[in-house]
């Protein structure tokens, strides 16, 4: 259930124009990163990867820059 609430919150932010382009880009890069290292949808410690991405990107929208 938490997964759906988190996704709905993210979609609400991005769909209503509430999120900046740099934030959206950060989330996309974060998702790609965690998928690439095979930590999707949960990290090895059990945390939800999308929640970690959102938390990091809210603090710093460059959180996943330079990881390509």
N, C-alpha and C. Protein backbone atom coordinates (compact mmCIF):
# COMPACT_ATOMS: atom_id res chain seq x y z
N UNK A 1 0.82 -1.19 0.00
CA UNK A 1 0.00 0.00 0.00
C UNK A 1 0.86 1.26 0.00
N UNK A 2 1.96 1.25 0.80
CA UNK A 2 2.84 2.41 0.86
C UNK A 2 3.42 2.73 -0.51
N UNK A 3 3.69 1.67 -1.29
CA UNK A 3 4.24 1.85 -2.63
C UNK A 3 3.29 2.68 -3.49
N UNK A 4 2.01 2.38 -3.42
CA UNK A 4 1.03 3.08 -4.23
C UNK A 4 0.85 4.52 -3.78
N UNK A 5 0.91 4.76 -2.48
CA UNK A 5 0.79 6.12 -1.97
C UNK A 5 1.99 6.94 -2.42
N UNK A 6 3.18 6.36 -2.34
CA UNK A 6 4.39 7.05 -2.76
C UNK A 6 4.34 7.37 -4.25
N UNK A 7 3.96 6.39 -5.06
CA UNK A 7 3.87 6.62 -6.49
C UNK A 7 2.82 7.67 -6.82
N UNK A 8 1.69 7.63 -6.13
CA UNK A 8 0.63 8.62 -6.37
C UNK A 8 1.13 10.01 -6.01
N UNK A 9 1.89 10.13 -4.93
CA UNK A 9 2.44 11.43 -4.53
C UNK A 9 3.42 11.94 -5.58
N UNK A 10 4.26 11.05 -6.08
CA UNK A 10 5.22 11.44 -7.10
C UNK A 10 4.51 11.86 -8.37
N UNK A 11 3.50 11.10 -8.79
CA UNK A 11 2.74 11.46 -9.98
C UNK A 11 2.00 12.77 -9.81
N UNK A 12 1.48 13.00 -8.64
CA UNK A 12 0.77 14.26 -8.38
C UNK A 12 1.73 15.44 -8.50
N UNK A 13 2.93 15.29 -7.97
CA UNK A 13 3.91 16.37 -8.08
C UNK A 13 4.31 16.63 -9.52
N UNK A 14 4.59 15.57 -10.25
CA UNK A 14 5.07 15.74 -11.62
C UNK A 14 3.94 16.08 -12.58
N UNK A 15 2.75 15.54 -12.35
CA UNK A 15 1.63 15.76 -13.25
C UNK A 15 1.03 17.15 -13.14
N UNK A 16 1.16 17.79 -12.01
CA UNK A 16 0.55 19.10 -11.79
C UNK A 16 1.54 20.22 -12.02
N UNK A 17 2.69 19.91 -12.54
CA UNK A 17 3.69 20.95 -12.78
C UNK A 17 4.36 21.42 -11.50
N UNK A 18 4.15 20.71 -10.39
CA UNK A 18 4.71 21.12 -9.12
C UNK A 18 6.18 20.79 -8.98
N UNK A 19 6.67 19.90 -9.78
CA UNK A 19 8.06 19.50 -9.67
C UNK A 19 8.87 20.15 -10.80
N UNK A 20 10.06 20.58 -10.46
CA UNK A 20 10.93 21.20 -11.46
C UNK A 20 11.46 20.12 -12.42
N UNK A 21 11.92 20.59 -13.55
CA UNK A 21 12.52 19.67 -14.53
C UNK A 21 13.74 18.98 -13.93
N UNK A 22 14.52 19.70 -13.13
CA UNK A 22 15.71 19.09 -12.55
C UNK A 22 15.34 18.01 -11.54
N UNK A 23 14.23 18.20 -10.82
CA UNK A 23 13.76 17.19 -9.88
C UNK A 23 13.30 15.95 -10.64
N UNK A 24 12.53 16.15 -11.69
CA UNK A 24 12.05 15.02 -12.50
C UNK A 24 13.22 14.25 -13.09
N UNK A 25 14.22 14.98 -13.58
CA UNK A 25 15.41 14.36 -14.13
C UNK A 25 16.15 13.56 -13.07
N UNK A 26 16.23 14.10 -11.87
CA UNK A 26 16.89 13.42 -10.76
C UNK A 26 16.19 12.09 -10.47
N UNK A 27 14.87 12.10 -10.41
CA UNK A 27 14.11 10.89 -10.12
C UNK A 27 14.34 9.86 -11.22
N UNK A 28 14.32 10.29 -12.48
CA UNK A 28 14.55 9.37 -13.59
C UNK A 28 15.95 8.76 -13.52
N UNK A 29 16.95 9.58 -13.23
CA UNK A 29 18.33 9.08 -13.11
C UNK A 29 18.46 8.12 -11.93
N UNK A 30 17.80 8.44 -10.83
CA UNK A 30 17.85 7.57 -9.66
C UNK A 30 17.23 6.21 -9.93
N UNK A 31 16.10 6.22 -10.62
CA UNK A 31 15.45 4.96 -10.96
C UNK A 31 16.35 4.14 -11.88
N UNK A 32 16.92 4.77 -12.89
CA UNK A 32 17.83 4.07 -13.80
C UNK A 32 19.03 3.51 -13.05
N UNK A 33 19.57 4.29 -12.12
CA UNK A 33 20.72 3.86 -11.34
C UNK A 33 20.41 2.61 -10.52
N UNK A 34 19.31 2.65 -9.77
CA UNK A 34 18.99 1.50 -8.92
C UNK A 34 18.63 0.26 -9.74
N UNK A 35 18.06 0.46 -10.91
CA UNK A 35 17.79 -0.69 -11.78
C UNK A 35 19.10 -1.26 -12.32
N UNK A 36 20.03 -0.38 -12.68
CA UNK A 36 21.32 -0.82 -13.22
C UNK A 36 22.10 -1.65 -12.20
N UNK A 37 22.05 -1.26 -10.94
CA UNK A 37 22.79 -2.01 -9.91
C UNK A 37 21.93 -3.12 -9.30
N UNK A 38 20.79 -3.39 -9.94
CA UNK A 38 19.88 -4.47 -9.55
C UNK A 38 19.37 -4.33 -8.12
N UNK A 39 19.05 -3.10 -7.76
CA UNK A 39 18.46 -2.82 -6.45
C UNK A 39 17.07 -2.23 -6.61
N UNK A 40 16.32 -2.75 -7.57
CA UNK A 40 14.98 -2.25 -7.84
C UNK A 40 13.99 -3.37 -7.67
N UNK A 41 12.92 -3.25 -7.02
CA UNK A 41 12.34 -2.06 -6.40
C UNK A 41 12.74 -1.88 -4.94
N UNK A 42 13.51 -2.81 -4.40
CA UNK A 42 13.93 -2.69 -2.99
C UNK A 42 15.45 -2.79 -2.90
N UNK A 43 16.01 -1.99 -2.01
CA UNK A 43 17.44 -2.05 -1.76
C UNK A 43 17.77 -3.30 -0.95
N UNK A 44 19.04 -3.61 -0.85
CA UNK A 44 19.45 -4.83 -0.13
C UNK A 44 19.04 -4.81 1.34
N UNK A 45 18.86 -3.60 1.89
CA UNK A 45 18.42 -3.51 3.29
C UNK A 45 16.90 -3.49 3.43
N UNK A 46 16.19 -3.67 2.32
CA UNK A 46 14.73 -3.77 2.35
C UNK A 46 13.99 -2.47 2.11
N UNK A 47 14.72 -1.34 2.07
CA UNK A 47 14.05 -0.06 1.85
C UNK A 47 13.51 0.03 0.42
N UNK A 48 12.43 0.78 0.27
CA UNK A 48 11.82 1.01 -1.03
C UNK A 48 12.73 1.96 -1.82
N UNK A 49 13.17 1.51 -3.00
CA UNK A 49 14.11 2.30 -3.80
C UNK A 49 13.51 3.64 -4.22
N UNK A 50 12.23 3.67 -4.59
CA UNK A 50 11.62 4.92 -5.02
C UNK A 50 11.57 5.93 -3.88
N UNK A 51 11.32 5.46 -2.68
CA UNK A 51 11.29 6.38 -1.53
C UNK A 51 12.68 6.96 -1.30
N UNK A 52 13.70 6.15 -1.43
CA UNK A 52 15.08 6.64 -1.27
C UNK A 52 15.38 7.68 -2.35
N UNK A 53 14.97 7.40 -3.57
CA UNK A 53 15.19 8.34 -4.68
C UNK A 53 14.51 9.67 -4.40
N UNK A 54 13.24 9.61 -4.03
CA UNK A 54 12.48 10.83 -3.76
C UNK A 54 13.12 11.61 -2.63
N UNK A 55 13.50 10.93 -1.56
CA UNK A 55 14.13 11.61 -0.43
C UNK A 55 15.42 12.31 -0.86
N UNK A 56 16.26 11.60 -1.61
CA UNK A 56 17.53 12.18 -2.05
C UNK A 56 17.32 13.35 -3.00
N UNK A 57 16.39 13.19 -3.94
CA UNK A 57 16.15 14.25 -4.93
C UNK A 57 15.49 15.48 -4.30
N UNK A 58 14.71 15.29 -3.24
CA UNK A 58 14.13 16.44 -2.56
C UNK A 58 15.21 17.24 -1.84
N UNK A 59 16.22 16.56 -1.34
CA UNK A 59 17.33 17.25 -0.65
C UNK A 59 18.28 17.91 -1.65
N UNK A 60 18.52 17.22 -2.78
CA UNK A 60 19.50 17.70 -3.77
C UNK A 60 19.12 17.14 -5.13
N UNK A 61 18.65 17.99 -6.03
CA UNK A 61 18.19 17.49 -7.33
C UNK A 61 19.34 17.08 -8.25
N UNK A 62 20.56 17.13 -7.75
CA UNK A 62 21.71 16.61 -8.48
C UNK A 62 22.25 15.34 -7.85
N UNK A 63 21.44 14.71 -7.02
CA UNK A 63 21.89 13.54 -6.23
C UNK A 63 22.40 12.39 -7.10
N UNK A 64 21.88 12.24 -8.30
CA UNK A 64 22.29 11.12 -9.15
C UNK A 64 23.06 11.57 -10.38
N UNK A 65 23.52 12.81 -10.37
CA UNK A 65 24.34 13.30 -11.49
C UNK A 65 25.71 12.62 -11.46
N UNK A 66 26.24 12.37 -12.62
CA UNK A 66 27.57 11.80 -12.72
C UNK A 66 27.66 10.32 -12.46
N UNK A 67 26.51 9.64 -12.38
CA UNK A 67 26.53 8.19 -12.13
C UNK A 67 26.38 7.38 -13.41
N UNK A 68 26.34 8.04 -14.56
CA UNK A 68 26.13 7.31 -15.81
C UNK A 68 27.35 6.60 -16.23
